[in-house]
Amino acid sequence: MELLLAREELKDKPKKIQLEKVQAELKELGEKIFYFDRDNSHKDMMALVDALENDGLNVNFREVRYGLGDEEYLYEVHAL
């Protein structure tokens, strides 16, 4: 599965990351907070949460709003 990391600037294109890379980073570090772009589907984000929980990790998932507009949010995934 391929996911889009959060943009650092509004006009930038989001960078892509594979699920395997996320799992490898978590295996190495033990815990990490990932920020994902709003262009990811909610279904893909739930699939990520399920995959990480199946790996035995505790996962906290939420939408983070950074403005008043409907399109001004990103996804936060804290896995440990």
PDB file of N, CA and C in Angstrom:
ATOM      1  N   MET A   1       0.850  -1.163   0.000  1.00  0.00           N
ATOM      2  CA  MET A   1       0.000   0.000   0.000  1.00  0.00           C
ATOM      3  C   MET A   1       0.905   1.237   0.000  1.00  0.00           C
ATOM      4  N   GLU A   2       0.519   2.229  -0.792  1.00  0.00           N
ATOM      5  CA  GLU A   2       1.274   3.469  -0.880  1.00  0.00           C
ATOM      6  C   GLU A   2       0.452   4.602  -0.271  1.00  0.00           C
ATOM      7  N   LEU A   3       1.081   5.375   0.610  1.00  0.00           N
ATOM      8  CA  LEU A   3       0.415   6.481   1.292  1.00  0.00           C
ATOM      9  C   LEU A   3       1.165   7.773   1.012  1.00  0.00           C
ATOM     10  N   LEU A   4       0.492   8.894   1.214  1.00  0.00           N
ATOM     11  CA  LEU A   4       1.081  10.202   0.987  1.00  0.00           C
ATOM     12  C   LEU A   4       1.388  10.863   2.327  1.00  0.00           C
ATOM     13  N   LEU A   5       2.645  11.246   2.526  1.00  0.00           N
ATOM     14  CA  LEU A   5       3.019  11.963   3.735  1.00  0.00           C
ATOM     15  C   LEU A   5       2.522  13.400   3.646  1.00  0.00           C
ATOM     16  N   ALA A   6       2.344  14.040   4.788  1.00  0.00           N
ATOM     17  CA  ALA A   6       1.849  15.415   4.829  1.00  0.00           C
ATOM     18  C   ALA A   6       2.813  16.345   4.106  1.00  0.00           C
ATOM     19  N   ARG A   7       2.250  17.342   3.451  1.00  0.00           N
ATOM     20  CA  ARG A   7       3.046  18.347   2.755  1.00  0.00           C
ATOM     21  C   ARG A   7       3.715  19.268   3.771  1.00  0.00           C
ATOM     22  N   GLU A   8       4.922  19.701   3.438  1.00  0.00           N
ATOM     23  CA  GLU A   8       5.596  20.673   4.286  1.00  0.00           C
ATOM     24  C   GLU A   8       5.195  22.094   3.907  1.00  0.00           C
ATOM     25  N   GLU A   9       4.842  22.310   2.670  1.00  0.00           N
ATOM     26  CA  GLU A   9       4.336  23.594   2.176  1.00  0.00           C
ATOM     27  C   GLU A   9       3.035  23.319   1.428  1.00  0.00           C
ATOM     28  N   LEU A  10       2.091  24.237   1.487  1.00  0.00           N
ATOM     29  CA  LEU A  10       0.783  24.014   0.869  1.00  0.00           C
ATOM     30  C   LEU A  10       0.865  23.767  -0.631  1.00  0.00           C
ATOM     31  N   LYS A  11       1.823  24.386  -1.302  1.00  0.00           N
ATOM     32  CA  LYS A  11       1.924  24.256  -2.756  1.00  0.00           C
ATOM     33  C   LYS A  11       2.756  23.051  -3.198  1.00  0.00           C
ATOM     34  N   ASP A  12       3.434  22.394  -2.264  1.00  0.00           N
ATOM     35  CA  ASP A  12       4.245  21.217  -2.585  1.00  0.00           C
ATOM     36  C   ASP A  12       3.366  20.011  -2.862  1.00  0.00           C
ATOM     37  N   LYS A  13       3.930  19.057  -3.600  1.00  0.00           N
ATOM     38  CA  LYS A  13       3.256  17.773  -3.774  1.00  0.00           C
ATOM     39  C   LYS A  13       3.645  16.876  -2.603  1.00  0.00           C
ATOM     40  N   PRO A  14       2.709  16.066  -2.117  1.00  0.00           N
ATOM     41  CA  PRO A  14       3.044  15.170  -0.995  1.00  0.00           C
ATOM     42  C   PRO A  14       4.000  14.060  -1.436  1.00  0.00           C
ATOM     43  N   LYS A  15       4.887  13.665  -0.541  1.00  0.00           N
ATOM     44  CA  LYS A  15       5.816  12.565  -0.812  1.00  0.00           C
ATOM     45  C   LYS A  15       5.128  11.243  -0.509  1.00  0.00           C
ATOM     46  N   LYS A  16       5.521  10.208  -1.240  1.00  0.00           N
ATOM     47  CA  LYS A  16       4.913   8.889  -1.080  1.00  0.00           C
ATOM     48  C   LYS A  16       5.767   8.016  -0.173  1.00  0.00           C
ATOM     49  N   ILE A  17       5.082   7.126   0.558  1.00  0.00           N
ATOM     50  CA  ILE A  17       5.762   6.161   1.416  1.00  0.00           C
ATOM     51  C   ILE A  17       4.991   4.846   1.347  1.00  0.00           C
ATOM     52  N   GLN A  18       5.709   3.754   1.358  1.00  0.00           N
ATOM     53  CA  GLN A  18       5.111   2.415   1.320  1.00  0.00           C
ATOM     54  C   GLN A  18       4.807   1.950   2.741  1.00  0.00           C
ATOM     55  N   LEU A  19       3.787   1.129   2.883  1.00  0.00           N
ATOM     56  CA  LEU A  19       3.422   0.560   4.182  1.00  0.00           C
ATOM     57  C   LEU A  19       4.607  -0.189   4.792  1.00  0.00           C
ATOM     58  N   GLU A  20       5.358  -0.900   3.978  1.00  0.00           N
ATOM     59  CA  GLU A  20       6.512  -1.654   4.467  1.00  0.00           C
ATOM     60  C   GLU A  20       7.558  -0.734   5.090  1.00  0.00           C
ATOM     61  N   LYS A  21       7.738   0.449   4.528  1.00  0.00           N
ATOM     62  CA  LYS A  21       8.690   1.430   5.066  1.00  0.00           C
ATOM     63  C   LYS A  21       8.209   1.939   6.432  1.00  0.00           C
ATOM     64  N   VAL A  22       6.906   2.188   6.569  1.00  0.00           N
ATOM     65  CA  VAL A  22       6.343   2.606   7.850  1.00  0.00           C
ATOM     66  C   VAL A  22       6.575   1.520   8.894  1.00  0.00           C
ATOM     67  N   GLN A  23       6.288   0.279   8.530  1.00  0.00           N
ATOM     68  CA  GLN A  23       6.474  -0.839   9.458  1.00  0.00           C
ATOM     69  C   GLN A  23       7.945  -1.007   9.840  1.00  0.00           C
ATOM     70  N   ALA A  24       8.858  -0.832   8.874  1.00  0.00           N
ATOM     71  CA  ALA A  24      10.287  -0.958   9.155  1.00  0.00           C
ATOM     72  C   ALA A  24      10.760   0.133  10.117  1.00  0.00           C
ATOM     73  N   GLU A  25      10.299   1.364   9.930  1.00  0.00           N
ATOM     74  CA  GLU A  25      10.682   2.452  10.830  1.00  0.00           C
ATOM     75  C   GLU A  25      10.172   2.193  12.240  1.00  0.00           C
ATOM     76  N   LEU A  26       8.957   1.680  12.355  1.00  0.00           N
ATOM     77  CA  LEU A  26       8.405   1.391  13.671  1.00  0.00           C
ATOM     78  C   LEU A  26       9.132   0.232  14.344  1.00  0.00           C
ATOM     79  N   LYS A  27       9.541  -0.750  13.570  1.00  0.00           N
ATOM     80  CA  LYS A  27      10.278  -1.880  14.128  1.00  0.00           C
ATOM     81  C   LYS A  27      11.634  -1.400  14.658  1.00  0.00           C
ATOM     82  N   GLU A  28      12.243  -0.454  13.937  1.00  0.00           N
ATOM     83  CA  GLU A  28      13.553   0.063  14.328  1.00  0.00           C
ATOM     84  C   GLU A  28      13.461   1.004  15.532  1.00  0.00           C
ATOM     85  N   LEU A  29      12.482   1.912  15.519  1.00  0.00           N
ATOM     86  CA  LEU A  29      12.387   2.942  16.556  1.00  0.00           C
ATOM     87  C   LEU A  29      11.499   2.562  17.734  1.00  0.00           C
ATOM     88  N   GLY A  30      10.537   1.691  17.509  1.00  0.00           N
ATOM     89  CA  GLY A  30       9.627   1.296  18.577  1.00  0.00           C
ATOM     90  C   GLY A  30       8.370   2.141  18.638  1.00  0.00           C
ATOM     91  N   GLU A  31       8.500   3.439  18.388  1.00  0.00           N
ATOM     92  CA  GLU A  31       7.335   4.320  18.340  1.00  0.00           C
ATOM     93  C   GLU A  31       7.662   5.520  17.459  1.00  0.00           C
ATOM     94  N   LYS A  32       6.635   6.073  16.848  1.00  0.00           N
ATOM     95  CA  LYS A  32       6.828   7.232  15.991  1.00  0.00           C
ATOM     96  C   LYS A  32       5.468   7.851  15.683  1.00  0.00           C
ATOM     97  N   ILE A  33       5.483   9.152  15.413  1.00  0.00           N
ATOM     98  CA  ILE A  33       4.283   9.850  14.970  1.00  0.00           C
ATOM     99  C   ILE A  33       4.455  10.161  13.494  1.00  0.00           C
ATOM    100  N   PHE A  34       3.484   9.740  12.695  1.00  0.00           N
ATOM    101  CA  PHE A  34       3.483  10.007  11.260  1.00  0.00           C
ATOM    102  C   PHE A  34       2.362  10.987  10.950  1.00  0.00           C
ATOM    103  N   TYR A  35       2.617  11.886  10.013  1.00  0.00           N
ATOM    104  CA  TYR A  35       1.593  12.812   9.536  1.00  0.00           C
ATOM    105  C   TYR A  35       1.358  12.522   8.056  1.00  0.00           C
ATOM    106  N   PHE A  36       0.095  12.286   7.709  1.00  0.00           N
ATOM    107  CA  PHE A  36      -0.262  11.929   6.344  1.00  0.00           C
ATOM    108  C   PHE A  36      -1.142  13.001   5.723  1.00  0.00           C
ATOM    109  N   ASP A  37      -1.052  13.120   4.418  1.00  0.00           N
ATOM    110  CA  ASP A  37      -1.763  14.146   3.666  1.00  0.00           C
ATOM    111  C   ASP A  37      -3.261  13.874   3.603  1.00  0.00           C
ATOM    112  N   ARG A  38      -4.020  14.922   3.429  1.00  0.00           N
ATOM    113  CA  ARG A  38      -5.484  14.814   3.343  1.00  0.00           C
ATOM    114  C   ARG A  38      -5.933  14.101   2.073  1.00  0.00           C
ATOM    115  N   ASP A  39      -5.050  13.966   1.071  1.00  0.00           N
ATOM    116  CA  ASP A  39      -5.405  13.289  -0.173  1.00  0.00           C
ATOM    117  C   ASP A  39      -5.493  11.775  -0.024  1.00  0.00           C
ATOM    118  N   ASN A  40      -5.022  11.238   1.099  1.00  0.00           N
ATOM    119  CA  ASN A  40      -5.199   9.807   1.368  1.00  0.00           C
ATOM    120  C   ASN A  40      -6.675   9.558   1.662  1.00  0.00           C
ATOM    121  N   SER A  41      -7.169   8.428   1.200  1.00  0.00           N
ATOM    122  CA  SER A  41      -8.566   8.106   1.500  1.00  0.00           C
ATOM    123  C   SER A  41      -8.671   7.618   2.949  1.00  0.00           C
ATOM    124  N   HIS A  42      -9.827   7.858   3.532  1.00  0.00           N
ATOM    125  CA  HIS A  42     -10.063   7.406   4.910  1.00  0.00           C
ATOM    126  C   HIS A  42      -9.962   5.878   4.979  1.00  0.00           C
ATOM    127  N   LYS A  43     -10.385   5.219   3.930  1.00  0.00           N
ATOM    128  CA  LYS A  43     -10.311   3.755   3.865  1.00  0.00           C
ATOM    129  C   LYS A  43      -8.854   3.280   3.927  1.00  0.00           C
ATOM    130  N   ASP A  44      -7.951   3.963   3.191  1.00  0.00           N
ATOM    131  CA  ASP A  44      -6.528   3.608   3.237  1.00  0.00           C
ATOM    132  C   ASP A  44      -5.934   3.855   4.617  1.00  0.00           C
ATOM    133  N   MET A  45      -6.361   4.924   5.257  1.00  0.00           N
ATOM    134  CA  MET A  45      -5.843   5.223   6.586  1.00  0.00           C
ATOM    135  C   MET A  45      -6.303   4.167   7.590  1.00  0.00           C
ATOM    136  N   MET A  46      -7.535   3.710   7.480  1.00  0.00           N
ATOM    137  CA  MET A  46      -8.032   2.658   8.370  1.00  0.00           C
ATOM    138  C   MET A  46      -7.309   1.335   8.086  1.00  0.00           C
ATOM    139  N   ALA A  47      -6.962   1.083   6.819  1.00  0.00           N
ATOM    140  CA  ALA A  47      -6.197  -0.116   6.471  1.00  0.00           C
ATOM    141  C   ALA A  47      -4.800  -0.041   7.097  1.00  0.00           C
ATOM    142  N   LEU A  48      -4.200   1.154   7.127  1.00  0.00           N
ATOM    143  CA  LEU A  48      -2.903   1.340   7.774  1.00  0.00           C
ATOM    144  C   LEU A  48      -3.007   1.053   9.267  1.00  0.00           C
ATOM    145  N   VAL A  49      -4.012   1.599   9.909  1.00  0.00           N
ATOM    146  CA  VAL A  49      -4.213   1.378  11.346  1.00  0.00           C
ATOM    147  C   VAL A  49      -4.390  -0.113  11.626  1.00  0.00           C
ATOM    148  N   ASP A  50      -5.201  -0.791  10.813  1.00  0.00           N
ATOM    149  CA  ASP A  50      -5.412  -2.233  10.997  1.00  0.00           C
ATOM    150  C   ASP A  50      -4.115  -3.008  10.818  1.00  0.00           C
ATOM    151  N   ALA A  51      -3.325  -2.656   9.808  1.00  0.00           N
ATOM    152  CA  ALA A  51      -2.063  -3.353   9.555  1.00  0.00           C
ATOM    153  C   ALA A  51      -1.100  -3.171  10.725  1.00  0.00           C
ATOM    154  N   LEU A  52      -1.023  -1.972  11.263  1.00  0.00           N
ATOM    155  CA  LEU A  52      -0.118  -1.718  12.393  1.00  0.00           C
ATOM    156  C   LEU A  52      -0.606  -2.415  13.666  1.00  0.00           C
ATOM    157  N   GLU A  53      -1.917  -2.436  13.869  1.00  0.00           N
ATOM    158  CA  GLU A  53      -2.450  -3.153  15.032  1.00  0.00           C
ATOM    159  C   GLU A  53      -2.229  -4.652  14.902  1.00  0.00           C
ATOM    160  N   ASN A  54      -2.292  -5.186  13.688  1.00  0.00           N
ATOM    161  CA  ASN A  54      -2.016  -6.606  13.464  1.00  0.00           C
ATOM    162  C   ASN A  54      -0.554  -6.945  13.740  1.00  0.00           C
ATOM    163  N   ASP A  55       0.324  -5.929  13.644  1.00  0.00           N
ATOM    164  CA  ASP A  55       1.737  -6.118  13.984  1.00  0.00           C
ATOM    165  C   ASP A  55       1.969  -6.052  15.491  1.00  0.00           C
ATOM    166  N   GLY A  56       0.897  -5.850  16.270  1.00  0.00           N
ATOM    167  CA  GLY A  56       1.010  -5.816  17.718  1.00  0.00           C
ATOM    168  C   GLY A  56       1.274  -4.430  18.293  1.00  0.00           C
ATOM    169  N   LEU A  57       1.073  -3.390  17.494  1.00  0.00           N
ATOM    170  CA  LEU A  57       1.311  -2.022  17.951  1.00  0.00           C
ATOM    171  C   LEU A  57       0.018  -1.382  18.438  1.00  0.00           C
ATOM    172  N   ASN A  58       0.135  -0.456  19.374  1.00  0.00           N
ATOM    173  CA  ASN A  58      -0.996   0.379  19.779  1.00  0.00           C
ATOM    174  C   ASN A  58      -0.980   1.608  18.891  1.00  0.00           C
ATOM    175  N   VAL A  59      -2.136   1.951  18.312  1.00  0.00           N
ATOM    176  CA  VAL A  59      -2.198   3.028  17.329  1.00  0.00           C
ATOM    177  C   VAL A  59      -3.263   4.035  17.739  1.00  0.00           C
ATOM    178  N   ASN A  60      -2.875   5.315  17.714  1.00  0.00           N
ATOM    179  CA  ASN A  60      -3.809   6.411  17.932  1.00  0.00           C
ATOM    180  C   ASN A  60      -3.922   7.164  16.605  1.00  0.00           C
ATOM    181  N   PHE A  61      -5.126   7.262  16.065  1.00  0.00           N
ATOM    182  CA  PHE A  61      -5.377   7.892  14.769  1.00  0.00           C
ATOM    183  C   PHE A  61      -6.337   9.059  14.958  1.00  0.00           C
ATOM    184  N   ARG A  62      -6.020  10.201  14.328  1.00  0.00           N
ATOM    185  CA  ARG A  62      -6.951  11.324  14.396  1.00  0.00           C
ATOM    186  C   ARG A  62      -6.714  12.273  13.226  1.00  0.00           C
ATOM    187  N   GLU A  63      -7.734  13.088  12.956  1.00  0.00           N
ATOM    188  CA  GLU A  63      -7.628  14.169  11.984  1.00  0.00           C
ATOM    189  C   GLU A  63      -7.181  15.412  12.737  1.00  0.00           C
ATOM    190  N   VAL A  64      -6.214  16.117  12.198  1.00  0.00           N
ATOM    191  CA  VAL A  64      -5.728  17.347  12.806  1.00  0.00           C
ATOM    192  C   VAL A  64      -6.133  18.502  11.900  1.00  0.00           C
ATOM    193  N   ARG A  65      -6.930  19.405  12.419  1.00  0.00           N
ATOM    194  CA  ARG A  65      -7.361  20.593  11.664  1.00  0.00           C
ATOM    195  C   ARG A  65      -6.403  21.735  11.978  1.00  0.00           C
ATOM    196  N   TYR A  66      -5.893  22.381  10.935  1.00  0.00           N
ATOM    197  CA  TYR A  66      -4.971  23.493  11.129  1.00  0.00           C
ATOM    198  C   TYR A  66      -5.514  24.808  10.592  1.00  0.00           C
ATOM    199  N   GLY A  67      -6.770  24.820  10.199  1.00  0.00           N
ATOM    200  CA  GLY A  67      -7.409  26.040   9.713  1.00  0.00           C
ATOM    201  C   GLY A  67      -8.916  25.892   9.780  1.00  0.00           C
ATOM    202  N   LEU A  68      -9.617  26.895   9.316  1.00  0.00           N
ATOM    203  CA  LEU A  68     -11.074  26.870   9.380  1.00  0.00           C
ATOM    204  C   LEU A  68     -11.717  26.233   8.156  1.00  0.00           C
ATOM    205  N   GLY A  69     -10.980  26.105   7.056  1.00  0.00           N
ATOM    206  CA  GLY A  69     -11.536  25.550   5.832  1.00  0.00           C
ATOM    207  C   GLY A  69     -11.746  24.048   5.910  1.00  0.00           C
ATOM    208  N   ASP A  70     -12.648  23.550   5.065  1.00  0.00           N
ATOM    209  CA  ASP A  70     -12.931  22.115   5.031  1.00  0.00           C
ATOM    210  C   ASP A  70     -11.735  21.296   4.567  1.00  0.00           C
ATOM    211  N   GLU A  71     -10.867  21.870   3.747  1.00  0.00           N
ATOM    212  CA  GLU A  71      -9.717  21.151   3.197  1.00  0.00           C
ATOM    213  C   GLU A  71      -8.436  21.375   4.008  1.00  0.00           C
ATOM    214  N   GLU A  72      -8.535  21.953   5.175  1.00  0.00           N
ATOM    215  CA  GLU A  72      -7.358  22.269   5.977  1.00  0.00           C
ATOM    216  C   GLU A  72      -7.222  21.292   7.142  1.00  0.00           C
ATOM    217  N   TYR A  73      -6.822  20.080   6.795  1.00  0.00           N
ATOM    218  CA  TYR A  73      -6.605  19.048   7.805  1.00  0.00           C
ATOM    219  C   TYR A  73      -5.564  18.063   7.299  1.00  0.00           C
ATOM    220  N   LEU A  74      -5.051  17.252   8.208  1.00  0.00           N
ATOM    221  CA  LEU A  74      -4.163  16.151   7.875  1.00  0.00           C
ATOM    222  C   LEU A  74      -4.434  15.028   8.858  1.00  0.00           C
ATOM    223  N   TYR A  75      -3.853  13.883   8.588  1.00  0.00           N
ATOM    224  CA  TYR A  75      -4.051  12.724   9.469  1.00  0.00           C
ATOM    225  C   TYR A  75      -2.798  12.520  10.317  1.00  0.00           C
ATOM    226  N   GLU A  76      -3.015  12.225  11.597  1.00  0.00           N
ATOM    227  CA  GLU A  76      -1.916  11.914  12.509  1.00  0.00           C
ATOM    228  C   GLU A  76      -2.061  10.465  12.959  1.00  0.00           C
ATOM    229  N   VAL A  77      -0.978   9.719  12.849  1.00  0.00           N
ATOM    230  CA  VAL A  77      -0.953   8.325  13.308  1.00  0.00           C
ATOM    231  C   VAL A  77       0.214   8.197  14.267  1.00  0.00           C
ATOM    232  N   HIS A  78      -0.109   7.916  15.530  1.00  0.00           N
ATOM    233  CA  HIS A  78       0.919   7.717  16.562  1.00  0.00           C
ATOM    234  C   HIS A  78       0.900   6.233  16.900  1.00  0.00           C
ATOM    235  N   ALA A  79       2.004   5.569  16.583  1.00  0.00           N
ATOM    236  CA  ALA A  79       2.072   4.128  16.812  1.00  0.00           C
ATOM    237  C   ALA A  79       3.186   3.822  17.823  1.00  0.00           C
ATOM    238  N   LEU A  80       2.869   2.935  18.777  1.00  0.00           N
ATOM    239  CA  LEU A  80       3.865   2.470  19.735  1.00  0.00           C
ATOM    240  C   LEU A  80       3.576   1.064  20.170  1.00  0.00           C
TER     241      LEU A  80
END
